Amino acid sequence: MPALSIGTYYSFMDPRSSASAPSRNQSEYVVFGIYQFDGALKGLSLSNFLGVQTSPVYDYSFWQNRVSLQYNF
Protein backbone atom coordinates (compact mmCIF):
# COMPACT_ATOMS: atom_id res chain seq x y z
CA MET A 1 0.00 0.00 0.00
CA PRO A 2 1.94 3.07 -1.19
CA ALA A 3 -0.19 5.51 0.85
CA LEU A 4 1.01 4.07 4.18
CA SER A 5 4.46 4.79 5.64
CA ILE A 6 5.69 3.11 8.81
CA GLY A 7 9.03 3.68 10.49
CA THR A 8 11.12 4.03 13.60
CA TYR A 9 13.99 6.15 14.79
CA TYR A 10 16.35 6.38 17.73
CA SER A 11 18.17 9.44 19.02
CA PHE A 12 20.68 10.00 21.81
CA MET A 13 21.03 13.33 23.59
CA ASP A 14 23.49 14.54 26.20
CA PRO A 15 21.73 17.58 27.71
CA ARG A 16 23.50 19.20 30.65
CA SER A 17 22.43 22.12 32.79
CA SER A 18 26.08 23.23 32.95
CA ALA A 19 29.44 22.04 31.63
CA SER A 20 30.30 20.44 34.99
CA ALA A 21 26.91 18.72 35.48
CA PRO A 22 26.69 14.95 35.01
CA SER A 23 25.41 13.58 31.71
CA ARG A 24 21.75 12.56 31.49
CA ASN A 25 22.47 9.97 28.75
CA GLN A 26 18.98 10.51 27.37
CA SER A 27 17.65 8.21 24.64
CA GLU A 28 14.48 8.56 22.58
CA TYR A 29 12.73 5.71 20.76
CA VAL A 30 9.95 6.57 18.31
CA VAL A 31 7.62 4.54 16.07
CA PHE A 32 5.40 6.28 13.56
CA GLY A 33 2.81 5.76 10.90
CA ILE A 34 1.65 8.16 8.18
CA TYR A 35 -1.35 7.56 5.94
CA GLN A 36 -1.97 9.70 2.84
CA PHE A 37 -5.55 9.58 1.61
CA ASP A 38 -6.49 9.26 -2.06
CA GLY A 39 -9.55 10.05 -4.16
CA ALA A 40 -11.87 12.76 -2.82
CA LEU A 41 -9.58 13.20 0.22
CA LYS A 42 -6.38 13.57 -1.82
CA GLY A 43 -3.98 15.94 -0.07
CA LEU A 44 -5.11 14.89 3.40
CA SER A 45 -2.74 12.90 5.62
CA LEU A 46 -2.95 11.47 9.13
CA SER A 47 0.20 10.91 11.20
CA ASN A 48 0.81 9.30 14.57
CA PHE A 49 4.14 9.35 16.41
CA LEU A 50 4.58 7.41 19.66
CA GLY A 51 7.79 8.01 21.58
CA VAL A 52 9.47 7.33 24.88
CA GLN A 53 12.45 9.17 26.38
CA THR A 54 14.60 7.35 28.91
CA SER A 55 17.49 8.35 31.13
CA PRO A 56 19.34 6.46 33.88
CA VAL A 57 19.27 9.68 35.94
CA TYR A 58 15.47 9.53 36.37
CA ASP A 59 13.27 6.80 37.87
CA TYR A 60 10.62 7.25 35.18
CA SER A 61 10.33 7.41 31.39
CA PHE A 62 8.59 10.21 29.51
CA TRP A 63 5.98 8.94 27.04
CA GLN A 64 4.35 11.06 24.36
CA ASN A 65 1.90 10.53 21.52
CA ARG A 66 1.66 13.07 18.69
CA VAL A 67 -1.24 12.88 16.25
CA SER A 68 -1.38 15.19 13.26
CA LEU A 69 -3.96 15.83 10.56
CA GLN A 70 -2.55 17.78 7.60
CA TYR A 71 -3.92 19.02 4.30
CA ASN A 72 -1.72 20.05 1.36
CA PHE A 73 -3.40 22.59 -0.93
C-alpha atoms as a PDB file:
ATOM      1  CA  MET A   1       0.000   0.000   0.000  1.00  0.00           C
ATOM      2  CA  PRO A   2       1.943   3.068  -1.191  1.00  0.00           C
ATOM      3  CA  ALA A   3      -0.194   5.510   0.849  1.00  0.00           C
ATOM      4  CA  LEU A   4       1.014   4.070   4.178  1.00  0.00           C
ATOM      5  CA  SER A   5       4.459   4.791   5.637  1.00  0.00           C
ATOM      6  CA  ILE A   6       5.689   3.108   8.814  1.00  0.00           C
ATOM      7  CA  GLY A   7       9.028   3.676  10.487  1.00  0.00           C
ATOM      8  CA  THR A   8      11.120   4.028  13.603  1.00  0.00           C
ATOM      9  CA  TYR A   9      13.986   6.147  14.791  1.00  0.00           C
ATOM     10  CA  TYR A  10      16.351   6.383  17.730  1.00  0.00           C
ATOM     11  CA  SER A  11      18.169   9.444  19.016  1.00  0.00           C
ATOM     12  CA  PHE A  12      20.676  10.001  21.809  1.00  0.00           C
ATOM     13  CA  MET A  13      21.029  13.329  23.594  1.00  0.00           C
ATOM     14  CA  ASP A  14      23.487  14.540  26.199  1.00  0.00           C
ATOM     15  CA  PRO A  15      21.735  17.579  27.707  1.00  0.00           C
ATOM     16  CA  ARG A  16      23.502  19.198  30.650  1.00  0.00           C
ATOM     17  CA  SER A  17      22.426  22.116  32.794  1.00  0.00           C
ATOM     18  CA  SER A  18      26.082  23.229  32.954  1.00  0.00           C
ATOM     19  CA  ALA A  19      29.440  22.041  31.626  1.00  0.00           C
ATOM     20  CA  SER A  20      30.300  20.443  34.988  1.00  0.00           C
ATOM     21  CA  ALA A  21      26.908  18.724  35.478  1.00  0.00           C
ATOM     22  CA  PRO A  22      26.687  14.947  35.010  1.00  0.00           C
ATOM     23  CA  SER A  23      25.414  13.584  31.715  1.00  0.00           C
ATOM     24  CA  ARG A  24      21.747  12.562  31.492  1.00  0.00           C
ATOM     25  CA  ASN A  25      22.472   9.974  28.745  1.00  0.00           C
ATOM     26  CA  GLN A  26      18.977  10.513  27.368  1.00  0.00           C
ATOM     27  CA  SER A  27      17.645   8.206  24.635  1.00  0.00           C
ATOM     28  CA  GLU A  28      14.480   8.555  22.584  1.00  0.00           C
ATOM     29  CA  TYR A  29      12.733   5.713  20.758  1.00  0.00           C
ATOM     30  CA  VAL A  30       9.948   6.569  18.306  1.00  0.00           C
ATOM     31  CA  VAL A  31       7.621   4.542  16.072  1.00  0.00           C
ATOM     32  CA  PHE A  32       5.400   6.284  13.561  1.00  0.00           C
ATOM     33  CA  GLY A  33       2.806   5.759  10.896  1.00  0.00           C
ATOM     34  CA  ILE A  34       1.653   8.161   8.176  1.00  0.00           C
ATOM     35  CA  TYR A  35      -1.346   7.558   5.935  1.00  0.00           C
ATOM     36  CA  GLN A  36      -1.966   9.695   2.837  1.00  0.00           C
ATOM     37  CA  PHE A  37      -5.549   9.581   1.609  1.00  0.00           C
ATOM     38  CA  ASP A  38      -6.493   9.258  -2.057  1.00  0.00           C
ATOM     39  CA  GLY A  39      -9.553  10.047  -4.165  1.00  0.00           C
ATOM     40  CA  ALA A  40     -11.872  12.755  -2.822  1.00  0.00           C
ATOM     41  CA  LEU A  41      -9.584  13.203   0.223  1.00  0.00           C
ATOM     42  CA  LYS A  42      -6.383  13.569  -1.819  1.00  0.00           C
ATOM     43  CA  GLY A  43      -3.983  15.942  -0.070  1.00  0.00           C
ATOM     44  CA  LEU A  44      -5.113  14.887   3.402  1.00  0.00           C
ATOM     45  CA  SER A  45      -2.739  12.897   5.618  1.00  0.00           C
ATOM     46  CA  LEU A  46      -2.953  11.466   9.129  1.00  0.00           C
ATOM     47  CA  SER A  47       0.198  10.910  11.196  1.00  0.00           C
ATOM     48  CA  ASN A  48       0.806   9.297  14.568  1.00  0.00           C
ATOM     49  CA  PHE A  49       4.142   9.350  16.408  1.00  0.00           C
ATOM     50  CA  LEU A  50       4.577   7.408  19.658  1.00  0.00           C
ATOM     51  CA  GLY A  51       7.789   8.005  21.581  1.00  0.00           C
ATOM     52  CA  VAL A  52       9.475   7.335  24.879  1.00  0.00           C
ATOM     53  CA  GLN A  53      12.447   9.172  26.375  1.00  0.00           C
ATOM     54  CA  THR A  54      14.597   7.350  28.911  1.00  0.00           C
ATOM     55  CA  SER A  55      17.494   8.354  31.129  1.00  0.00           C
ATOM     56  CA  PRO A  56      19.336   6.462  33.882  1.00  0.00           C
ATOM     57  CA  VAL A  57      19.272   9.680  35.936  1.00  0.00           C
ATOM     58  CA  TYR A  58      15.466   9.530  36.372  1.00  0.00           C
ATOM     59  CA  ASP A  59      13.271   6.804  37.871  1.00  0.00           C
ATOM     60  CA  TYR A  60      10.621   7.246  35.178  1.00  0.00           C
ATOM     61  CA  SER A  61      10.333   7.407  31.387  1.00  0.00           C
ATOM     62  CA  PHE A  62       8.593  10.207  29.511  1.00  0.00           C
ATOM     63  CA  TRP A  63       5.976   8.938  27.041  1.00  0.00           C
ATOM     64  CA  GLN A  64       4.346  11.056  24.364  1.00  0.00           C
ATOM     65  CA  ASN A  65       1.905  10.530  21.522  1.00  0.00           C
ATOM     66  CA  ARG A  66       1.664  13.071  18.695  1.00  0.00           C
ATOM     67  CA  VAL A  67      -1.243  12.882  16.253  1.00  0.00           C
ATOM     68  CA  SER A  68      -1.378  15.192  13.256  1.00  0.00           C
ATOM     69  CA  LEU A  69      -3.963  15.830  10.559  1.00  0.00           C
ATOM     70  CA  GLN A  70      -2.554  17.785   7.605  1.00  0.00           C
ATOM     71  CA  TYR A  71      -3.922  19.016   4.295  1.00  0.00           C
ATOM     72  CA  ASN A  72      -1.717  20.050   1.355  1.00  0.00           C
ATOM     73  CA  PHE A  73      -3.396  22.586  -0.928  1.00  0.00           C
END
